PDB file of all heavy atoms in Angstrom:
ATOM      1  N   GLY A   1      -8.670  19.171 -21.603  1.00  0.00           N
ATOM      2  CA  GLY A   1      -7.478  18.604 -22.341  1.00  0.00           C
ATOM      3  C   GLY A   1      -7.477  17.118 -22.342  1.00  0.00           C
ATOM      4  O   GLY A   1      -8.500  16.474 -22.079  1.00  0.00           O
ATOM      5  N   LEU A   2      -6.372  16.530 -22.615  1.00  0.00           N
ATOM      6  CA  LEU A   2      -6.200  15.093 -22.612  1.00  0.00           C
ATOM      7  C   LEU A   2      -6.151  14.599 -21.134  1.00  0.00           C
ATOM      8  O   LEU A   2      -5.335  15.018 -20.394  1.00  0.00           O
ATOM      9  CB  LEU A   2      -4.887  14.651 -23.316  1.00  0.00           C
ATOM     10  CG  LEU A   2      -4.962  14.649 -24.851  1.00  0.00           C
ATOM     11  CD1 LEU A   2      -3.585  14.221 -25.368  1.00  0.00           C
ATOM     12  CD2 LEU A   2      -6.027  13.770 -25.396  1.00  0.00           C
ATOM     13  N   GLU A   3      -7.044  13.664 -20.787  1.00  0.00           N
ATOM     14  CA  GLU A   3      -7.069  13.221 -19.423  1.00  0.00           C
ATOM     15  C   GLU A   3      -5.841  12.375 -19.116  1.00  0.00           C
ATOM     16  O   GLU A   3      -5.461  11.435 -19.874  1.00  0.00           O
ATOM     17  CB  GLU A   3      -8.326  12.393 -19.226  1.00  0.00           C
ATOM     18  CG  GLU A   3      -8.496  11.885 -17.785  1.00  0.00           C
ATOM     19  CD  GLU A   3      -9.715  11.008 -17.611  1.00  0.00           C
ATOM     20  OE1 GLU A   3     -10.021  10.163 -18.478  1.00  0.00           O
ATOM     21  OE2 GLU A   3     -10.445  11.179 -16.580  1.00  0.00           O
ATOM     22  N   ALA A   4      -5.265  12.647 -17.972  1.00  0.00           N
ATOM     23  CA  ALA A   4      -4.128  11.893 -17.431  1.00  0.00           C
ATOM     24  C   ALA A   4      -4.459  11.486 -16.044  1.00  0.00           C
ATOM     25  O   ALA A   4      -4.740  12.296 -15.196  1.00  0.00           O
ATOM     26  CB  ALA A   4      -2.837  12.714 -17.509  1.00  0.00           C
ATOM     27  N   LYS A   5      -4.391  10.214 -15.776  1.00  0.00           N
ATOM     28  CA  LYS A   5      -4.677   9.659 -14.409  1.00  0.00           C
ATOM     29  C   LYS A   5      -3.378   8.986 -13.921  1.00  0.00           C
ATOM     30  O   LYS A   5      -2.715   8.261 -14.605  1.00  0.00           O
ATOM     31  CB  LYS A   5      -5.780   8.612 -14.433  1.00  0.00           C
ATOM     32  CG  LYS A   5      -7.154   9.209 -14.820  1.00  0.00           C
ATOM     33  CD  LYS A   5      -8.187   8.099 -14.743  1.00  0.00           C
ATOM     34  CE  LYS A   5      -9.562   8.659 -15.083  1.00  0.00           C
ATOM     35  NZ  LYS A   5     -10.626   7.543 -15.113  1.00  0.00           N
ATOM     36  N   ILE A   6      -3.097   9.308 -12.592  1.00  0.00           N
ATOM     37  CA  ILE A   6      -1.941   8.691 -11.929  1.00  0.00           C
ATOM     38  C   ILE A   6      -2.423   8.165 -10.596  1.00  0.00           C
ATOM     39  O   ILE A   6      -3.014   8.886  -9.826  1.00  0.00           O
ATOM     40  CB  ILE A   6      -0.790   9.706 -11.762  1.00  0.00           C
ATOM     41  CG1 ILE A   6      -0.276  10.236 -13.087  1.00  0.00           C
ATOM     42  CG2 ILE A   6       0.357   9.048 -10.989  1.00  0.00           C
ATOM     43  CD1 ILE A   6       0.688  11.322 -12.977  1.00  0.00           C
ATOM     44  N   ALA A   7      -2.138   6.895 -10.339  1.00  0.00           N
ATOM     45  CA  ALA A   7      -2.428   6.334  -9.052  1.00  0.00           C
ATOM     46  C   ALA A   7      -1.185   5.633  -8.520  1.00  0.00           C
ATOM     47  O   ALA A   7      -0.502   4.994  -9.302  1.00  0.00           O
ATOM     48  CB  ALA A   7      -3.593   5.316  -9.092  1.00  0.00           C
ATOM     49  N   SER A   8      -0.776   5.854  -7.284  1.00  0.00           N
ATOM     50  CA  SER A   8       0.350   5.219  -6.715  1.00  0.00           C
ATOM     51  C   SER A   8       0.168   4.781  -5.313  1.00  0.00           C
ATOM     52  O   SER A   8      -0.637   5.356  -4.553  1.00  0.00           O
ATOM     53  CB  SER A   8       1.603   6.104  -6.854  1.00  0.00           C
ATOM     54  OG  SER A   8       1.462   7.239  -5.899  1.00  0.00           O
ATOM     55  N   LEU A   9       0.880   3.710  -4.943  1.00  0.00           N
ATOM     56  CA  LEU A   9       0.914   3.208  -3.607  1.00  0.00           C
ATOM     57  C   LEU A   9       2.343   3.042  -3.214  1.00  0.00           C
ATOM     58  O   LEU A   9       3.178   2.439  -3.848  1.00  0.00           O
ATOM     59  CB  LEU A   9       0.227   1.803  -3.501  1.00  0.00           C
ATOM     60  CG  LEU A   9       0.401   1.056  -2.246  1.00  0.00           C
ATOM     61  CD1 LEU A   9      -0.319   1.698  -1.075  1.00  0.00           C
ATOM     62  CD2 LEU A   9      -0.146  -0.390  -2.368  1.00  0.00           C
ATOM     63  N   ASN A  10       2.704   3.686  -2.065  1.00  0.00           N
ATOM     64  CA  ASN A  10       4.101   3.667  -1.555  1.00  0.00           C
ATOM     65  C   ASN A  10       4.094   3.072  -0.167  1.00  0.00           C
ATOM     66  O   ASN A  10       3.498   3.638   0.758  1.00  0.00           O
ATOM     67  CB  ASN A  10       4.657   5.066  -1.511  1.00  0.00           C
ATOM     68  CG  ASN A  10       6.157   5.100  -1.504  1.00  0.00           C
ATOM     69  OD1 ASN A  10       6.787   4.234  -0.923  1.00  0.00           O
ATOM     70  ND2 ASN A  10       6.753   6.124  -2.205  1.00  0.00           N
ATOM     71  N   LEU A  11       4.771   1.940   0.005  1.00  0.00           N
ATOM     72  CA  LEU A  11       4.839   1.227   1.317  1.00  0.00           C
ATOM     73  C   LEU A  11       6.241   1.332   1.833  1.00  0.00           C
ATOM     74  O   LEU A  11       7.270   1.158   1.092  1.00  0.00           O
ATOM     75  CB  LEU A  11       4.429  -0.208   1.185  1.00  0.00           C
ATOM     76  CG  LEU A  11       3.028  -0.468   0.623  1.00  0.00           C
ATOM     77  CD1 LEU A  11       2.804  -1.993   0.469  1.00  0.00           C
ATOM     78  CD2 LEU A  11       1.985   0.140   1.474  1.00  0.00           C
ATOM     79  N   LEU A  12       6.385   1.511   3.184  1.00  0.00           N
ATOM     80  CA  LEU A  12       7.661   1.649   3.796  1.00  0.00           C
ATOM     81  C   LEU A  12       7.741   0.903   5.114  1.00  0.00           C
ATOM     82  O   LEU A  12       6.796   0.986   5.928  1.00  0.00           O
ATOM     83  CB  LEU A  12       7.973   3.179   4.052  1.00  0.00           C
ATOM     84  CG  LEU A  12       9.130   3.479   4.923  1.00  0.00           C
ATOM     85  CD1 LEU A  12      10.489   3.176   4.215  1.00  0.00           C
ATOM     86  CD2 LEU A  12       9.159   4.994   5.356  1.00  0.00           C
ATOM     87  N   LEU A  13       8.855   0.213   5.328  1.00  0.00           N
ATOM     88  CA  LEU A  13       9.204  -0.338   6.642  1.00  0.00           C
ATOM     89  C   LEU A  13      10.570   0.231   6.945  1.00  0.00           C
ATOM     90  O   LEU A  13      11.592   0.027   6.224  1.00  0.00           O
ATOM     91  CB  LEU A  13       9.261  -1.818   6.592  1.00  0.00           C
ATOM     92  CG  LEU A  13       9.521  -2.560   7.917  1.00  0.00           C
ATOM     93  CD1 LEU A  13       8.923  -3.931   7.889  1.00  0.00           C
ATOM     94  CD2 LEU A  13      11.019  -2.628   8.271  1.00  0.00           C
ATOM     95  N   SER A  14      10.643   1.016   8.028  1.00  0.00           N
ATOM     96  CA  SER A  14      11.867   1.667   8.400  1.00  0.00           C
ATOM     97  C   SER A  14      12.248   1.297   9.797  1.00  0.00           C
ATOM     98  O   SER A  14      11.452   1.416  10.772  1.00  0.00           O
ATOM     99  CB  SER A  14      11.728   3.219   8.256  1.00  0.00           C
ATOM    100  OG  SER A  14      12.994   3.870   8.612  1.00  0.00           O
ATOM    101  N   TYR A  15      13.510   0.816   9.983  1.00  0.00           N
ATOM    102  CA  TYR A  15      13.947   0.400  11.293  1.00  0.00           C
ATOM    103  C   TYR A  15      15.266   1.157  11.645  1.00  0.00           C
ATOM    104  O   TYR A  15      16.177   1.180  10.851  1.00  0.00           O
ATOM    105  CB  TYR A  15      14.204  -1.121  11.375  1.00  0.00           C
ATOM    106  CG  TYR A  15      14.648  -1.600  12.740  1.00  0.00           C
ATOM    107  CD1 TYR A  15      13.720  -1.704  13.735  1.00  0.00           C
ATOM    108  CD2 TYR A  15      15.946  -1.906  13.014  1.00  0.00           C
ATOM    109  CE1 TYR A  15      14.025  -2.168  15.017  1.00  0.00           C
ATOM    110  CE2 TYR A  15      16.347  -2.348  14.251  1.00  0.00           C
ATOM    111  CZ  TYR A  15      15.357  -2.459  15.281  1.00  0.00           C
ATOM    112  OH  TYR A  15      15.745  -2.891  16.504  1.00  0.00           O
ATOM    113  N   GLU A  16      15.299   1.698  12.861  1.00  0.00           N
ATOM    114  CA  GLU A  16      16.471   2.473  13.303  1.00  0.00           C
ATOM    115  C   GLU A  16      17.409   1.513  13.994  1.00  0.00           C
ATOM    116  O   GLU A  16      17.235   1.034  15.114  1.00  0.00           O
ATOM    117  CB  GLU A  16      16.069   3.544  14.271  1.00  0.00           C
ATOM    118  CG  GLU A  16      17.201   4.505  14.649  1.00  0.00           C
ATOM    119  CD  GLU A  16      16.734   5.611  15.609  1.00  0.00           C
ATOM    120  OE1 GLU A  16      15.697   5.445  16.245  1.00  0.00           O
ATOM    121  OE2 GLU A  16      17.472   6.628  15.727  1.00  0.00           O
ATOM    122  N   ILE A  17      18.534   1.163  13.234  1.00  0.00           N
ATOM    123  CA  ILE A  17      19.483   0.191  13.731  1.00  0.00           C
ATOM    124  C   ILE A  17      20.322   0.784  14.885  1.00  0.00           C
ATOM    125  O   ILE A  17      20.444   0.157  15.947  1.00  0.00           O
ATOM    126  CB  ILE A  17      20.480  -0.213  12.594  1.00  0.00           C
ATOM    127  CG1 ILE A  17      19.671  -0.767  11.420  1.00  0.00           C
ATOM    128  CG2 ILE A  17      21.485  -1.222  13.087  1.00  0.00           C
ATOM    129  CD1 ILE A  17      20.509  -0.928  10.165  1.00  0.00           C
ATOM    130  N   LYS A  18      20.807   1.957  14.681  1.00  0.00           N
ATOM    131  CA  LYS A  18      21.560   2.714  15.697  1.00  0.00           C
ATOM    132  C   LYS A  18      21.033   4.114  15.601  1.00  0.00           C
ATOM    133  O   LYS A  18      20.192   4.440  14.782  1.00  0.00           O
ATOM    134  CB  LYS A  18      23.060   2.703  15.442  1.00  0.00           C
ATOM    135  CG  LYS A  18      23.714   1.293  15.520  1.00  0.00           C
ATOM    136  CD  LYS A  18      23.806   0.796  16.905  1.00  0.00           C
ATOM    137  CE  LYS A  18      24.937   1.460  17.717  1.00  0.00           C
ATOM    138  NZ  LYS A  18      25.190   0.904  19.029  1.00  0.00           N
ATOM    139  N   TYR A  19      21.529   4.988  16.508  1.00  0.00           N
ATOM    140  CA  TYR A  19      21.016   6.367  16.545  1.00  0.00           C
ATOM    141  C   TYR A  19      21.144   7.018  15.126  1.00  0.00           C
ATOM    142  O   TYR A  19      22.199   7.278  14.664  1.00  0.00           O
ATOM    143  CB  TYR A  19      21.794   7.173  17.592  1.00  0.00           C
ATOM    144  CG  TYR A  19      21.032   8.405  18.069  1.00  0.00           C
ATOM    145  CD1 TYR A  19      20.202   8.376  19.164  1.00  0.00           C
ATOM    146  CD2 TYR A  19      21.201   9.591  17.368  1.00  0.00           C
ATOM    147  CE1 TYR A  19      19.576   9.472  19.619  1.00  0.00           C
ATOM    148  CE2 TYR A  19      20.494  10.725  17.813  1.00  0.00           C
ATOM    149  CZ  TYR A  19      19.728  10.643  18.905  1.00  0.00           C
ATOM    150  OH  TYR A  19      19.012  11.808  19.293  1.00  0.00           O
ATOM    151  N   HIS A  20      19.937   7.372  14.562  1.00  0.00           N
ATOM    152  CA  HIS A  20      19.828   8.029  13.292  1.00  0.00           C
ATOM    153  C   HIS A  20      20.508   7.254  12.114  1.00  0.00           C
ATOM    154  O   HIS A  20      20.798   7.807  11.073  1.00  0.00           O
ATOM    155  CB  HIS A  20      20.485   9.423  13.338  1.00  0.00           C
ATOM    156  CG  HIS A  20      19.636  10.424  14.096  1.00  0.00           C
ATOM    157  ND1 HIS A  20      18.382  10.319  14.409  1.00  0.00           N
ATOM    158  CD2 HIS A  20      20.089  11.589  14.710  1.00  0.00           C
ATOM    159  CE1 HIS A  20      17.927  11.257  15.072  1.00  0.00           C
ATOM    160  NE2 HIS A  20      18.899  12.085  15.301  1.00  0.00           N
ATOM    161  N   LEU A  21      20.613   5.917  12.347  1.00  0.00           N
ATOM    162  CA  LEU A  21      21.038   5.027  11.222  1.00  0.00           C
ATOM    163  C   LEU A  21      19.884   4.110  10.913  1.00  0.00           C
ATOM    164  O   LEU A  21      19.502   3.286  11.802  1.00  0.00           O
ATOM    165  CB  LEU A  21      22.274   4.260  11.663  1.00  0.00           C
ATOM    166  CG  LEU A  21      22.765   3.217  10.654  1.00  0.00           C
ATOM    167  CD1 LEU A  21      23.242   3.820   9.357  1.00  0.00           C
ATOM    168  CD2 LEU A  21      23.926   2.324  11.292  1.00  0.00           C
ATOM    169  N   TYR A  22      19.306   4.206   9.720  1.00  0.00           N
ATOM    170  CA  TYR A  22      18.086   3.503   9.423  1.00  0.00           C
ATOM    171  C   TYR A  22      18.249   2.502   8.255  1.00  0.00           C
ATOM    172  O   TYR A  22      19.065   2.779   7.369  1.00  0.00           O
ATOM    173  CB  TYR A  22      16.978   4.510   8.971  1.00  0.00           C
ATOM    174  CG  TYR A  22      16.648   5.568   9.997  1.00  0.00           C
ATOM    175  CD1 TYR A  22      17.339   6.751  10.142  1.00  0.00           C
ATOM    176  CD2 TYR A  22      15.572   5.290  10.881  1.00  0.00           C
ATOM    177  CE1 TYR A  22      16.983   7.676  11.084  1.00  0.00           C
ATOM    178  CE2 TYR A  22      15.225   6.243  11.906  1.00  0.00           C
ATOM    179  CZ  TYR A  22      15.962   7.414  11.939  1.00  0.00           C
ATOM    180  OH  TYR A  22      15.622   8.359  12.907  1.00  0.00           O
ATOM    181  N   LEU A  23      17.468   1.399   8.361  1.00  0.00           N
ATOM    182  CA  LEU A  23      17.368   0.474   7.278  1.00  0.00           C
ATOM    183  C   LEU A  23      15.956   0.630   6.714  1.00  0.00           C
ATOM    184  O   LEU A  23      14.966   0.399   7.526  1.00  0.00           O
ATOM    185  CB  LEU A  23      17.630  -0.970   7.809  1.00  0.00           C
ATOM    186  CG  LEU A  23      17.507  -2.027   6.697  1.00  0.00           C
ATOM    187  CD1 LEU A  23      18.592  -1.895   5.662  1.00  0.00           C
ATOM    188  CD2 LEU A  23      17.575  -3.433   7.348  1.00  0.00           C
ATOM    189  N   ASP A  24      15.817   0.965   5.454  1.00  0.00           N
ATOM    190  CA  ASP A  24      14.486   1.189   4.877  1.00  0.00           C
ATOM    191  C   ASP A  24      14.228   0.110   3.799  1.00  0.00           C
ATOM    192  O   ASP A  24      15.033  -0.126   2.920  1.00  0.00           O
ATOM    193  CB  ASP A  24      14.442   2.589   4.178  1.00  0.00           C
ATOM    194  CG  ASP A  24      14.598   3.699   5.145  1.00  0.00           C
ATOM    195  OD1 ASP A  24      14.270   3.561   6.309  1.00  0.00           O
ATOM    196  OD2 ASP A  24      15.095   4.783   4.715  1.00  0.00           O
ATOM    197  N   LEU A  25      13.064  -0.479   3.851  1.00  0.00           N
ATOM    198  CA  LEU A  25      12.554  -1.358   2.846  1.00  0.00           C
ATOM    199  C   LEU A  25      11.304  -0.686   2.248  1.00  0.00           C
ATOM    200  O   LEU A  25      10.361  -0.361   3.001  1.00  0.00           O
ATOM    201  CB  LEU A  25      12.192  -2.743   3.366  1.00  0.00           C
ATOM    202  CG  LEU A  25      13.352  -3.536   4.032  1.00  0.00           C
ATOM    203  CD1 LEU A  25      12.744  -4.834   4.609  1.00  0.00           C
ATOM    204  CD2 LEU A  25      14.403  -3.842   3.028  1.00  0.00           C
TER     205      LEU A  25
END
């Protein structure tokens, strides 16, 4: 069929401020 290409990069920085409270960039 028609060729479809998908490329992705996902970067994460996650810091736990308090118990189970996270700041995600």
